[in-house]
């Protein structure tokens, strides 16, 4: 077996890895559930390579993500459910169906008209899926009904909170001013204060969840991605904490050698240096 630029070679390699007796023991013992976390992880690694602007890593990470698709398709083929060509056919059909302004008769549409058409097509697709399940004698999925239908369970929690509240806003269940959402943030922090005073762990956890949910909504109201906001905050924290470590290393010390007061003083110094250099 030799490296190849042909997708067929990747499919062949995966088939070999999953062949009983001669395949890889680890690959053979996997199932959809055990592989799913790797699929999510690889998607994040693609996003990370993009964020870092590292095209060499991006090439490798896209390959790892493609492997996940081939792995799932192979397991489905073994069950007789579908195979990789069916996956390709499904996505090509969807792209053609959702872009009638490119592949069909609907031409010269404005961006707003394209977005409206997109939502109409997705709504029809959802209705068709429900009808297909009924025709096959399968029960309706609870998530197939209602305003919040189809907001994927496996999304990062902040992103899913954003999407759930965006869906609710389509029927008017929303604030019309970001400052009103900020008032709700203050209300939730007050409720956390009460929960902390009570010492009720379950109440504390619930109120923290409520606060995060409302903060995601605040990000939506200012057209910001809450995941992106938190990723930027994470990067800022890492950068500043490394600044603390560098300052201590210059003294021949580590972070564990400093008390909280000194760490806080160094933190503030790093912040000042950042602002001065901005």
Protein backbone atom coordinates (compact mmCIF):
# COMPACT_ATOMS: atom_id res chain seq x y z
CA UNK A 1 0.00 0.00 0.00
CA UNK A 2 1.39 3.38 -1.06
CA UNK A 3 0.34 6.97 -0.20
CA UNK A 4 -2.08 8.33 -2.77
CA UNK A 5 -3.95 11.50 -3.73
CA UNK A 6 -7.02 9.39 -4.57
CA UNK A 7 -9.84 9.21 -1.99
CA UNK A 8 -10.38 5.60 -3.08
CA UNK A 9 -7.02 4.69 -1.52
CA UNK A 10 -8.10 6.09 1.85
CA UNK A 11 -11.33 4.12 1.68
CA UNK A 12 -9.34 0.99 0.82
CA UNK A 13 -6.95 1.55 3.74
CA UNK A 14 -9.84 1.93 6.16
CA UNK A 15 -11.44 -1.25 4.83
CA UNK A 16 -8.14 -3.07 5.43
CA UNK A 17 -7.88 -1.72 8.97
CA UNK A 18 -11.41 -2.97 9.69
CA UNK A 19 -10.98 -6.41 8.11
CA UNK A 20 -11.35 -9.17 10.75
CA UNK A 21 -8.28 -11.33 11.41
CA UNK A 22 -5.91 -9.19 9.31
CA UNK A 23 -6.92 -5.67 10.35
CA UNK A 24 -5.84 -3.46 13.24
CA UNK A 25 -7.10 -4.73 16.63
CA UNK A 26 -7.74 -1.18 17.88
CA UNK A 27 -9.66 -0.10 14.78
CA UNK A 28 -11.68 -3.31 14.82
CA UNK A 29 -12.95 -2.79 18.36
CA UNK A 30 -14.24 0.74 17.69
CA UNK A 31 -17.86 1.70 17.10
CA UNK A 32 -19.71 4.94 16.33
CA UNK A 33 -19.89 5.91 19.98
CA UNK A 34 -16.20 5.37 20.70
CA UNK A 35 -15.09 7.23 17.58
CA UNK A 36 -17.45 10.23 17.97
CA UNK A 37 -15.26 12.05 20.56
CA UNK A 38 -12.28 11.81 18.18
CA UNK A 39 -14.42 13.29 15.40
CA UNK A 40 -15.27 16.30 17.57
CA UNK A 41 -11.64 16.66 18.67
CA UNK A 42 -10.37 16.63 15.08
CA UNK A 43 -12.85 19.36 14.12
CA UNK A 44 -11.49 21.52 16.94
CA UNK A 45 -7.93 20.85 15.80
CA UNK A 46 -8.85 22.05 12.31
CA UNK A 47 -10.26 25.25 13.84
CA UNK A 48 -7.12 25.67 15.95
CA UNK A 49 -4.82 25.36 12.91
CA UNK A 50 -6.92 27.98 11.12
CA UNK A 51 -6.78 30.32 14.11
CA UNK A 52 -2.98 29.98 14.22
CA UNK A 53 -2.68 30.54 10.47
CA UNK A 54 -0.67 27.30 10.21
CA UNK A 55 -1.39 25.92 6.73
CA UNK A 56 0.93 22.93 7.15
CA UNK A 57 -0.95 21.84 10.27
CA UNK A 58 -4.25 22.62 8.55
CA UNK A 59 -3.45 20.17 5.75
CA UNK A 60 -2.71 17.43 8.29
CA UNK A 61 -5.72 18.21 10.47
CA UNK A 62 -8.09 18.22 7.49
CA UNK A 63 -6.74 14.78 6.63
CA UNK A 64 -7.42 13.60 10.18
CA UNK A 65 -10.97 14.97 9.95
CA UNK A 66 -11.52 13.30 6.58
CA UNK A 67 -10.36 10.03 8.14
CA UNK A 68 -13.15 10.36 10.69
CA UNK A 69 -15.73 10.61 7.91
CA UNK A 70 -14.29 7.57 6.16
CA UNK A 71 -14.18 5.64 9.47
CA UNK A 72 -17.85 6.30 10.22
CA UNK A 73 -18.84 5.51 6.63
CA UNK A 74 -16.96 2.20 6.78
CA UNK A 75 -18.71 1.14 9.99
CA UNK A 76 -22.07 2.07 8.44
CA UNK A 77 -21.20 0.02 5.35
CA UNK A 78 -20.41 -2.98 7.54
CA UNK A 79 -23.91 -2.64 9.02
CA UNK A 80 -25.46 -2.37 5.58
CA UNK A 81 -26.75 1.13 6.34
CA UNK A 82 -24.82 3.19 3.77
CA UNK A 83 -21.32 3.62 2.34
CA UNK A 84 -18.95 6.49 1.59
CA UNK A 85 -20.36 7.14 -1.91
CA UNK A 86 -23.79 7.59 -0.32
CA UNK A 87 -22.33 10.26 1.98
CA UNK A 88 -20.86 12.08 -1.04
CA UNK A 89 -24.14 11.80 -2.94
CA UNK A 90 -26.11 13.13 0.03
CA UNK A 91 -23.95 16.23 0.48
CA UNK A 92 -23.73 17.00 -3.25
CA UNK A 93 -27.51 16.69 -3.53
CA UNK A 94 -27.97 18.98 -0.53
CA UNK A 95 -25.60 21.63 -1.90
CA UNK A 96 -27.33 21.63 -5.28
CA UNK A 97 -30.76 21.74 -3.64
CA UNK A 98 -29.81 24.60 -1.31
CA UNK A 99 -28.26 26.72 -4.06
CA UNK A 100 -30.92 27.10 -6.75
CA UNK A 101 -29.50 30.57 -7.37
CA UNK A 102 -26.29 28.88 -8.56
CA UNK A 103 -27.42 25.53 -9.97
CA UNK A 104 -31.10 26.26 -10.72
CA UNK A 105 -33.45 28.88 -12.06
CA UNK A 106 -33.38 31.35 -9.15
CA UNK A 107 -30.88 33.91 -10.40
CA UNK A 108 -29.76 37.43 -9.46
CA UNK A 109 -30.85 37.18 -5.82
CA UNK A 110 -29.69 39.61 -3.15
CA UNK A 111 -27.87 38.23 -0.07
CA UNK A 112 -31.07 38.75 1.96
CA UNK A 113 -33.12 36.83 -0.62
CA UNK A 114 -30.54 34.02 -0.65
CA UNK A 115 -30.76 33.75 3.16
CA UNK A 116 -34.57 33.68 3.08
CA UNK A 117 -34.54 31.03 0.36
CA UNK A 118 -32.02 28.99 2.37
CA UNK A 119 -34.35 28.92 5.36
CA UNK A 120 -37.32 27.93 3.17
CA UNK A 121 -35.37 25.05 1.67
CA UNK A 122 -34.17 23.85 5.09
CA UNK A 123 -37.75 23.94 6.40
CA UNK A 124 -38.89 21.84 3.45
CA UNK A 125 -36.00 19.40 4.03
CA UNK A 126 -37.09 19.02 7.65
CA UNK A 127 -40.67 18.33 6.61
CA UNK A 128 -39.46 15.79 4.04
CA UNK A 129 -37.39 13.99 6.70
CA UNK A 130 -40.40 13.75 9.01
CA UNK A 131 -42.50 12.36 6.15
CA UNK A 132 -39.76 9.84 5.27
CA UNK A 133 -39.62 8.61 8.88
CA UNK A 134 -43.38 8.19 8.91
CA UNK A 135 -43.28 6.31 5.61
CA UNK A 136 -40.61 4.00 7.04
CA UNK A 137 -42.74 3.39 10.15
CA UNK A 138 -40.27 5.15 12.42
CA UNK A 139 -41.46 7.33 15.32
CA UNK A 140 -41.03 11.09 15.13
CA UNK A 141 -37.96 12.41 16.89
CA UNK A 142 -38.94 14.89 19.64
CA UNK A 143 -36.39 17.36 18.29
CA UNK A 144 -38.13 17.36 14.89
CA UNK A 145 -40.97 19.47 16.24
CA UNK A 146 -41.22 23.00 17.61
CA UNK A 147 -39.32 26.24 17.24
CA UNK A 148 -36.15 24.80 18.76
CA UNK A 149 -36.13 21.72 16.52
CA UNK A 150 -32.82 20.76 15.03
CA UNK A 151 -30.45 22.64 17.34
CA UNK A 152 -27.78 19.96 17.58
CA UNK A 153 -27.25 18.43 21.01
CA UNK A 154 -23.54 17.87 20.41
CA UNK A 155 -22.65 21.53 19.93
CA UNK A 156 -20.43 23.28 22.49
CA UNK A 157 -22.75 24.49 25.25
CA UNK A 158 -22.17 28.21 24.67
CA UNK A 159 -22.80 27.88 20.94
CA UNK A 160 -25.93 25.83 21.55
CA UNK A 161 -27.20 28.44 24.03
CA UNK A 162 -26.63 31.09 21.35
CA UNK A 163 -28.55 29.06 18.75
CA UNK A 164 -31.44 28.16 21.08
CA UNK A 165 -32.01 31.80 21.96
CA UNK A 166 -31.65 32.85 18.32
CA UNK A 167 -34.40 30.35 17.43
CA UNK A 168 -36.64 31.64 20.22
CA UNK A 169 -36.12 35.18 18.94
CA UNK A 170 -37.76 34.23 15.62
CA UNK A 171 -41.13 34.14 17.38
CA UNK A 172 -40.48 37.30 19.38
CA UNK A 173 -39.28 35.66 22.59
CA UNK A 174 -36.34 38.01 23.06
CA UNK A 175 -35.13 41.32 24.44
CA UNK A 176 -34.86 44.18 21.95
CA UNK A 177 -31.86 45.85 23.59
CA UNK A 178 -28.51 44.42 24.70
CA UNK A 179 -28.67 46.57 27.84
CA UNK A 180 -31.79 44.69 28.92
CA UNK A 181 -29.83 41.47 28.60
CA UNK A 182 -27.07 43.04 30.69
CA UNK A 183 -29.68 43.77 33.37
CA UNK A 184 -30.51 40.05 33.30
CA UNK A 185 -26.81 39.25 33.73
CA UNK A 186 -26.77 41.39 36.88
CA UNK A 187 -29.92 39.63 38.12
CA UNK A 188 -28.28 36.23 37.60
CA UNK A 189 -25.10 37.27 39.45
CA UNK A 190 -27.28 38.39 42.39
CA UNK A 191 -28.95 34.97 42.38
CA UNK A 192 -25.52 33.29 42.45
CA UNK A 193 -24.67 35.45 45.47
CA UNK A 194 -27.80 34.20 47.22
CA UNK A 195 -27.01 30.59 46.31
CA UNK A 196 -23.46 30.95 47.67
CA UNK A 197 -24.85 32.35 50.90
CA UNK A 198 -27.17 29.35 51.22
CA UNK A 199 -24.35 26.88 50.62
CA UNK A 200 -26.67 24.84 48.38
CA UNK A 201 -24.32 23.26 45.80
CA UNK A 202 -27.11 22.28 43.41
CA UNK A 203 -28.52 25.82 43.48
CA UNK A 204 -25.06 27.31 42.91
CA UNK A 205 -24.47 25.07 39.88
CA UNK A 206 -27.90 25.91 38.46
CA UNK A 207 -27.42 29.64 38.85
CA UNK A 208 -23.98 29.54 37.25
CA UNK A 209 -25.57 27.74 34.31
CA UNK A 210 -28.24 30.45 34.08
CA UNK A 211 -25.56 33.14 34.08
CA UNK A 212 -23.59 31.46 31.29
CA UNK A 213 -26.80 31.06 29.28
CA UNK A 214 -27.63 34.76 29.57
CA UNK A 215 -24.04 35.79 28.79
CA UNK A 216 -24.27 33.76 25.57
CA UNK A 217 -27.42 35.72 24.75
CA UNK A 218 -25.65 39.00 25.47
CA UNK A 219 -22.95 38.01 22.99
CA UNK A 220 -25.65 37.26 20.41
CA UNK A 221 -27.22 40.69 20.88
CA UNK A 222 -23.94 42.38 19.99
CA UNK A 223 -23.36 39.97 17.08
CA UNK A 224 -20.46 38.19 18.76
CA UNK A 225 -19.78 34.45 18.88
CA UNK A 226 -19.70 33.44 22.58
CA UNK A 227 -17.25 30.62 21.84
CA UNK A 228 -14.98 33.10 20.10
CA UNK A 229 -15.29 35.52 23.01
CA UNK A 230 -14.26 32.83 25.48
CA UNK A 231 -11.44 31.57 23.26
CA UNK A 232 -10.06 35.11 23.11
CA UNK A 233 -10.33 35.39 26.90
CA UNK A 234 -8.53 32.06 27.28
CA UNK A 235 -5.74 33.23 24.98
CA UNK A 236 -5.43 36.49 26.92
CA UNK A 237 -5.23 34.63 30.23
CA UNK A 238 -2.56 32.27 28.86
CA UNK A 239 -0.54 35.18 27.47
CA UNK A 240 -0.64 37.14 30.71
CA UNK A 241 0.08 34.14 32.93
CA UNK A 242 3.09 33.30 30.76
CA UNK A 243 4.19 36.90 31.34
CA UNK A 244 4.07 36.24 35.08
CA UNK A 245 6.13 33.07 34.65
CA UNK A 246 8.70 34.89 32.52
CA UNK A 247 9.07 37.63 35.12
CA UNK A 248 9.61 35.06 37.86
CA UNK A 249 11.95 32.98 35.70
CA UNK A 250 14.16 36.06 35.31
CA UNK A 251 14.56 35.90 39.10
CA UNK A 252 15.29 32.18 39.01
CA UNK A 253 11.89 31.34 40.48
CA UNK A 254 8.68 29.64 39.44
CA UNK A 255 5.00 30.46 39.94
CA UNK A 256 4.81 28.04 42.85
CA UNK A 257 7.48 30.10 44.66
CA UNK A 258 5.33 33.27 44.75
CA UNK A 259 2.37 33.99 47.00
CA UNK A 260 -0.98 35.24 45.72
CA UNK A 261 -0.21 38.90 46.43
CA UNK A 262 2.99 38.76 44.35
CA UNK A 263 1.26 36.87 41.52
CA UNK A 264 -1.50 39.49 41.45
CA UNK A 265 1.04 42.32 41.40
CA UNK A 266 2.86 40.70 38.48
CA UNK A 267 -0.46 40.15 36.70
CA UNK A 268 -1.26 43.85 36.96
CA UNK A 269 2.23 44.71 35.71
CA UNK A 270 1.76 42.48 32.66
CA UNK A 271 -1.59 44.16 31.96
CA UNK A 272 0.01 47.59 32.15
CA UNK A 273 2.81 46.50 29.80
CA UNK A 274 0.22 45.23 27.33
CA UNK A 275 -1.69 48.50 27.41
CA UNK A 276 1.52 50.51 27.02
CA UNK A 277 2.49 48.44 24.00
CA UNK A 278 -0.97 48.57 22.40
